[in-house]
């Protein structure tokens, strides 16, 4: 295991960054670069008492637990892997965080009448062949890292199913990804294909990841498509 990967599984560092204690093995890294930017985006675009859906919450459930504790959010967290949900439930219980966990392939277990102010997603974004070459298949389940042939396949599926909620409910989607694997213009095109708009692009100069804040002109007529040469805004 590399030093970098070891740091992302170090409970003390996770507690310092997120205020969450990881007292049980979670079967994967606690966080990645995208998780860090998503945390800052939740603070910027969330509010106390909001409703939030965390898609692909992972074995640590970090963003879900962070939002539940930091912003007293009403959080539903979903993941396609039952083993990830089981460990995330244990982490939440150890941190006295109230989070509803459900097994779900993206939004398949979310009812149409459920409304969320924020929908967060840190998708698998590593291109399949890149991940295989790096030996990721020996370290973590493919659901954690495999983003398909160009890294954007799972993200595209998410945008397809989340678009109706963003359009009809006025929800915002916060999507994180690593720009070394998936360039911003690729994701921007995926967003445009769903009739959605990018309201903001958040990053940090030292961090290769970005978070796209995605909304709908139906819900917020003032939202406009960013220029093609939009520069990611520093947090």
Protein backbone atom coordinates (compact mmCIF):
# COMPACT_ATOMS: atom_id res chain seq x y z
CA UNK A 1 0.00 0.00 0.00
CA UNK A 2 1.33 3.45 -0.94
CA UNK A 3 1.89 6.16 1.66
CA UNK A 4 -0.94 8.17 0.09
CA UNK A 5 -3.38 5.26 0.28
CA UNK A 6 -2.30 4.61 3.85
CA UNK A 7 -3.12 8.19 4.82
CA UNK A 8 -6.61 7.83 3.36
CA UNK A 9 -7.19 4.87 5.67
CA UNK A 10 -5.67 6.51 8.74
CA UNK A 11 -8.47 7.03 11.32
CA UNK A 12 -6.75 9.98 13.01
CA UNK A 13 -6.45 11.95 9.77
CA UNK A 14 -10.07 11.15 8.88
CA UNK A 15 -11.16 12.47 12.27
CA UNK A 16 -9.15 15.68 11.79
CA UNK A 17 -10.56 16.29 8.31
CA UNK A 18 -14.18 15.25 8.82
CA UNK A 19 -14.78 14.99 12.55
CA UNK A 20 -15.77 11.35 12.07
CA UNK A 21 -14.28 8.46 14.03
CA UNK A 22 -13.62 5.30 12.01
CA UNK A 23 -13.41 2.53 14.57
CA UNK A 24 -14.19 -0.42 12.26
CA UNK A 25 -12.61 -1.69 9.01
CA UNK A 26 -14.54 -0.27 6.05
CA UNK A 27 -12.95 -2.25 3.20
CA UNK A 28 -11.82 0.79 1.19
CA UNK A 29 -10.17 4.18 1.54
CA UNK A 30 -12.11 6.45 3.89
CA UNK A 31 -11.94 9.35 1.42
CA UNK A 32 -10.31 10.58 -1.77
CA UNK A 33 -9.53 13.98 -3.30
CA UNK A 34 -13.12 14.38 -4.49
CA UNK A 35 -14.47 13.75 -0.99
CA UNK A 36 -12.49 16.74 0.28
CA UNK A 37 -13.97 19.12 -2.31
CA UNK A 38 -17.46 17.69 -1.80
CA UNK A 39 -17.18 18.38 1.92
CA UNK A 40 -16.45 22.05 1.19
CA UNK A 41 -19.27 22.17 -1.37
CA UNK A 42 -21.75 20.81 1.17
CA UNK A 43 -20.78 23.61 3.54
CA UNK A 44 -21.20 26.22 0.81
CA UNK A 45 -24.46 25.01 -0.71
CA UNK A 46 -26.07 23.23 2.23
CA UNK A 47 -27.97 24.67 5.15
CA UNK A 48 -28.84 23.63 8.67
CA UNK A 49 -31.66 21.11 8.69
CA UNK A 50 -31.55 20.43 4.96
CA UNK A 51 -32.51 17.10 3.40
CA UNK A 52 -29.64 15.38 1.63
CA UNK A 53 -29.19 12.23 -0.42
CA UNK A 54 -25.67 10.77 -0.55
CA UNK A 55 -25.34 8.38 -3.48
CA UNK A 56 -22.58 5.77 -3.33
CA UNK A 57 -21.90 6.55 0.32
CA UNK A 58 -19.19 3.90 0.67
CA UNK A 59 -18.03 1.86 3.62
CA UNK A 60 -17.24 4.90 5.76
CA UNK A 61 -20.33 6.94 4.89
CA UNK A 62 -18.20 10.03 5.47
CA UNK A 63 -20.17 12.72 3.64
CA UNK A 64 -23.49 11.45 4.97
CA UNK A 65 -22.24 11.35 8.57
CA UNK A 66 -20.44 14.68 8.21
CA UNK A 67 -23.60 16.43 6.96
CA UNK A 68 -25.76 14.81 9.65
CA UNK A 69 -23.43 15.99 12.41
CA UNK A 70 -22.13 19.29 11.01
CA UNK A 71 -25.37 20.66 9.54
CA UNK A 72 -27.97 18.57 11.38
CA UNK A 73 -29.12 17.42 7.95
CA UNK A 74 -31.76 14.78 7.38
CA UNK A 75 -29.63 12.36 5.41
CA UNK A 76 -30.45 9.32 3.33
CA UNK A 77 -27.37 7.42 2.15
CA UNK A 78 -27.40 4.71 -0.49
CA UNK A 79 -24.91 2.26 -1.92
CA UNK A 80 -25.17 -0.72 -4.23
CA UNK A 81 -23.00 -2.87 -1.94
CA UNK A 82 -24.60 -4.33 1.20
CA UNK A 83 -21.19 -4.79 2.84
CA UNK A 84 -20.47 -1.08 2.43
CA UNK A 85 -23.80 -0.19 4.01
CA UNK A 86 -23.20 -2.50 6.95
CA UNK A 87 -19.87 -0.89 7.80
CA UNK A 88 -21.27 2.63 7.21
CA UNK A 89 -24.10 1.87 9.65
CA UNK A 90 -21.55 0.87 12.27
CA UNK A 91 -19.53 4.05 11.69
CA UNK A 92 -22.68 6.18 11.98
CA UNK A 93 -23.71 4.46 15.21
CA UNK A 94 -20.23 4.96 16.69
CA UNK A 95 -20.51 8.69 15.90
CA UNK A 96 -24.09 9.09 17.17
CA UNK A 97 -25.13 10.21 13.68
CA UNK A 98 -28.69 9.70 12.48
CA UNK A 99 -28.53 8.54 8.85
CA UNK A 100 -30.97 6.33 6.95
CA UNK A 101 -29.06 3.77 4.90
CA UNK A 102 -30.58 1.90 1.94
CA UNK A 103 -29.27 -0.50 -0.64
CA UNK A 104 -29.78 1.11 -4.02
CA UNK A 105 -28.34 1.13 -7.51
CA UNK A 106 -28.03 4.89 -7.84
CA UNK A 107 -31.57 6.17 -7.13
CA UNK A 108 -33.46 2.90 -7.66
CA UNK A 109 -34.57 2.71 -4.00
CA UNK A 110 -35.61 6.38 -3.77
CA UNK A 111 -39.34 7.05 -4.05
CA UNK A 112 -40.63 9.65 -6.47
CA UNK A 113 -42.27 11.62 -3.65
CA UNK A 114 -39.02 12.01 -1.69
CA UNK A 115 -37.46 15.47 -1.97
CA UNK A 116 -33.82 16.37 -1.28
CA UNK A 117 -32.24 19.81 -1.19
CA UNK A 118 -28.82 18.39 -2.07
CA UNK A 119 -27.91 15.17 -3.87
CA UNK A 120 -24.22 14.32 -3.58
CA UNK A 121 -22.31 11.78 -5.63
CA UNK A 122 -18.66 10.83 -5.70
CA UNK A 123 -18.81 8.33 -8.58
CA UNK A 124 -16.26 5.73 -9.64
CA UNK A 125 -14.29 7.68 -12.26
CA UNK A 126 -11.13 5.70 -13.02
CA UNK A 127 -11.17 4.36 -16.62
CA UNK A 128 -11.35 0.58 -16.57
CA UNK A 129 -8.01 -0.08 -18.27
CA UNK A 130 -6.22 2.52 -16.16
CA UNK A 131 -7.54 0.91 -12.99
CA UNK A 132 -6.52 -2.54 -14.11
CA UNK A 133 -3.03 -1.33 -14.99
CA UNK A 134 -2.71 0.19 -11.52
CA UNK A 135 -3.90 -2.99 -9.85
CA UNK A 136 -6.99 -1.39 -8.33
CA UNK A 137 -9.00 -4.57 -8.89
CA UNK A 138 -6.82 -6.29 -6.27
CA UNK A 139 -7.41 -3.55 -3.69
CA UNK A 140 -11.04 -2.47 -3.87
CA UNK A 141 -14.32 -3.65 -5.46
CA UNK A 142 -14.92 -2.33 -9.00
CA UNK A 143 -18.02 -0.47 -7.78
CA UNK A 144 -15.65 1.82 -5.87
CA UNK A 145 -13.38 2.88 -8.75
CA UNK A 146 -14.43 1.54 -12.20
CA UNK A 147 -15.92 4.37 -14.26
CA UNK A 148 -16.07 2.47 -17.55
CA UNK A 149 -14.01 2.93 -20.69
CA UNK A 150 -13.56 6.72 -20.33
CA UNK A 151 -14.25 7.11 -16.60
CA UNK A 152 -17.59 8.88 -17.09
CA UNK A 153 -19.99 5.98 -17.64
CA UNK A 154 -21.39 5.70 -14.09
CA UNK A 155 -21.53 9.48 -13.82
CA UNK A 156 -23.59 9.59 -17.03
CA UNK A 157 -26.03 7.02 -15.63
CA UNK A 158 -26.40 9.12 -12.49
CA UNK A 159 -27.11 12.29 -14.46
CA UNK A 160 -29.80 10.50 -16.46
CA UNK A 161 -31.69 9.37 -13.35
CA UNK A 162 -31.14 12.51 -11.28
CA UNK A 163 -32.16 14.96 -14.03
CA UNK A 164 -35.93 14.65 -13.43
CA UNK A 165 -35.47 15.43 -9.73
CA UNK A 166 -33.27 18.42 -10.42
CA UNK A 167 -35.74 19.71 -13.01
CA UNK A 168 -38.95 19.06 -11.09
CA UNK A 169 -37.96 19.40 -7.42
CA UNK A 170 -35.40 22.19 -7.59
CA UNK A 171 -32.74 19.94 -6.06
CA UNK A 172 -29.06 20.66 -6.57
CA UNK A 173 -26.64 17.88 -7.43
CA UNK A 174 -23.02 18.06 -6.27
CA UNK A 175 -20.86 15.72 -8.34
CA UNK A 176 -17.18 15.17 -7.60
CA UNK A 177 -14.58 13.62 -9.90
CA UNK A 178 -10.85 13.61 -10.52
CA UNK A 179 -9.87 15.77 -13.51
CA UNK A 180 -6.80 13.62 -14.15
CA UNK A 181 -9.16 10.83 -15.17
CA UNK A 182 -12.20 12.70 -16.50
CA UNK A 183 -11.75 16.21 -17.95
CA UNK A 184 -14.29 18.87 -16.95
CA UNK A 185 -15.48 19.37 -20.58
CA UNK A 186 -16.45 15.70 -20.79
CA UNK A 187 -18.63 15.99 -17.69
CA UNK A 188 -19.98 19.36 -18.84
CA UNK A 189 -21.17 17.75 -22.06
CA UNK A 190 -22.85 14.96 -20.10
CA UNK A 191 -24.63 17.60 -18.00
CA UNK A 192 -25.76 19.51 -21.09
CA UNK A 193 -27.05 16.31 -22.71
CA UNK A 194 -29.46 15.95 -19.78
CA UNK A 195 -30.73 19.50 -20.17
CA UNK A 196 -29.12 20.54 -16.89
CA UNK A 197 -26.80 23.47 -16.19
CA UNK A 198 -23.56 23.89 -14.27
CA UNK A 199 -24.08 26.61 -11.68
CA UNK A 200 -20.59 26.45 -10.27
CA UNK A 201 -17.32 24.53 -10.55
CA UNK A 202 -15.38 24.24 -7.31
CA UNK A 203 -11.81 23.10 -6.80
CA UNK A 204 -8.56 23.89 -5.03
CA UNK A 205 -5.25 24.55 -6.71
CA UNK A 206 -3.51 21.59 -5.07
CA UNK A 207 -6.39 19.18 -5.59
CA UNK A 208 -6.89 17.38 -8.93
CA UNK A 209 -10.60 16.90 -8.23
CA UNK A 210 -13.49 19.24 -8.96
CA UNK A 211 -17.11 19.45 -7.88
CA UNK A 212 -19.77 20.51 -10.35
CA UNK A 213 -22.80 22.19 -8.83
CA UNK A 214 -25.64 21.14 -11.11
CA UNK A 215 -29.08 22.71 -11.30
CA UNK A 216 -31.96 23.36 -13.64
CA UNK A 217 -33.07 26.50 -15.44
CA UNK A 218 -36.65 25.35 -14.82
CA UNK A 219 -36.19 25.68 -11.06
CA UNK A 220 -33.82 28.67 -11.21
CA UNK A 221 -34.41 30.71 -14.38
CA UNK A 222 -31.44 32.91 -13.56
CA UNK A 223 -29.07 29.94 -14.01
CA UNK A 224 -27.09 30.13 -17.22
CA UNK A 225 -24.72 27.81 -18.97
CA UNK A 226 -21.11 28.70 -18.15
CA UNK A 227 -18.85 29.80 -21.02
CA UNK A 228 -16.92 27.01 -22.67
CA UNK A 229 -13.70 28.32 -21.13
CA UNK A 230 -15.05 28.57 -17.59
CA UNK A 231 -12.24 28.39 -15.06
CA UNK A 232 -12.88 26.28 -11.95
CA UNK A 233 -13.42 28.54 -8.96
CA UNK A 234 -11.12 28.12 -5.99
CA UNK A 235 -12.76 27.30 -2.67
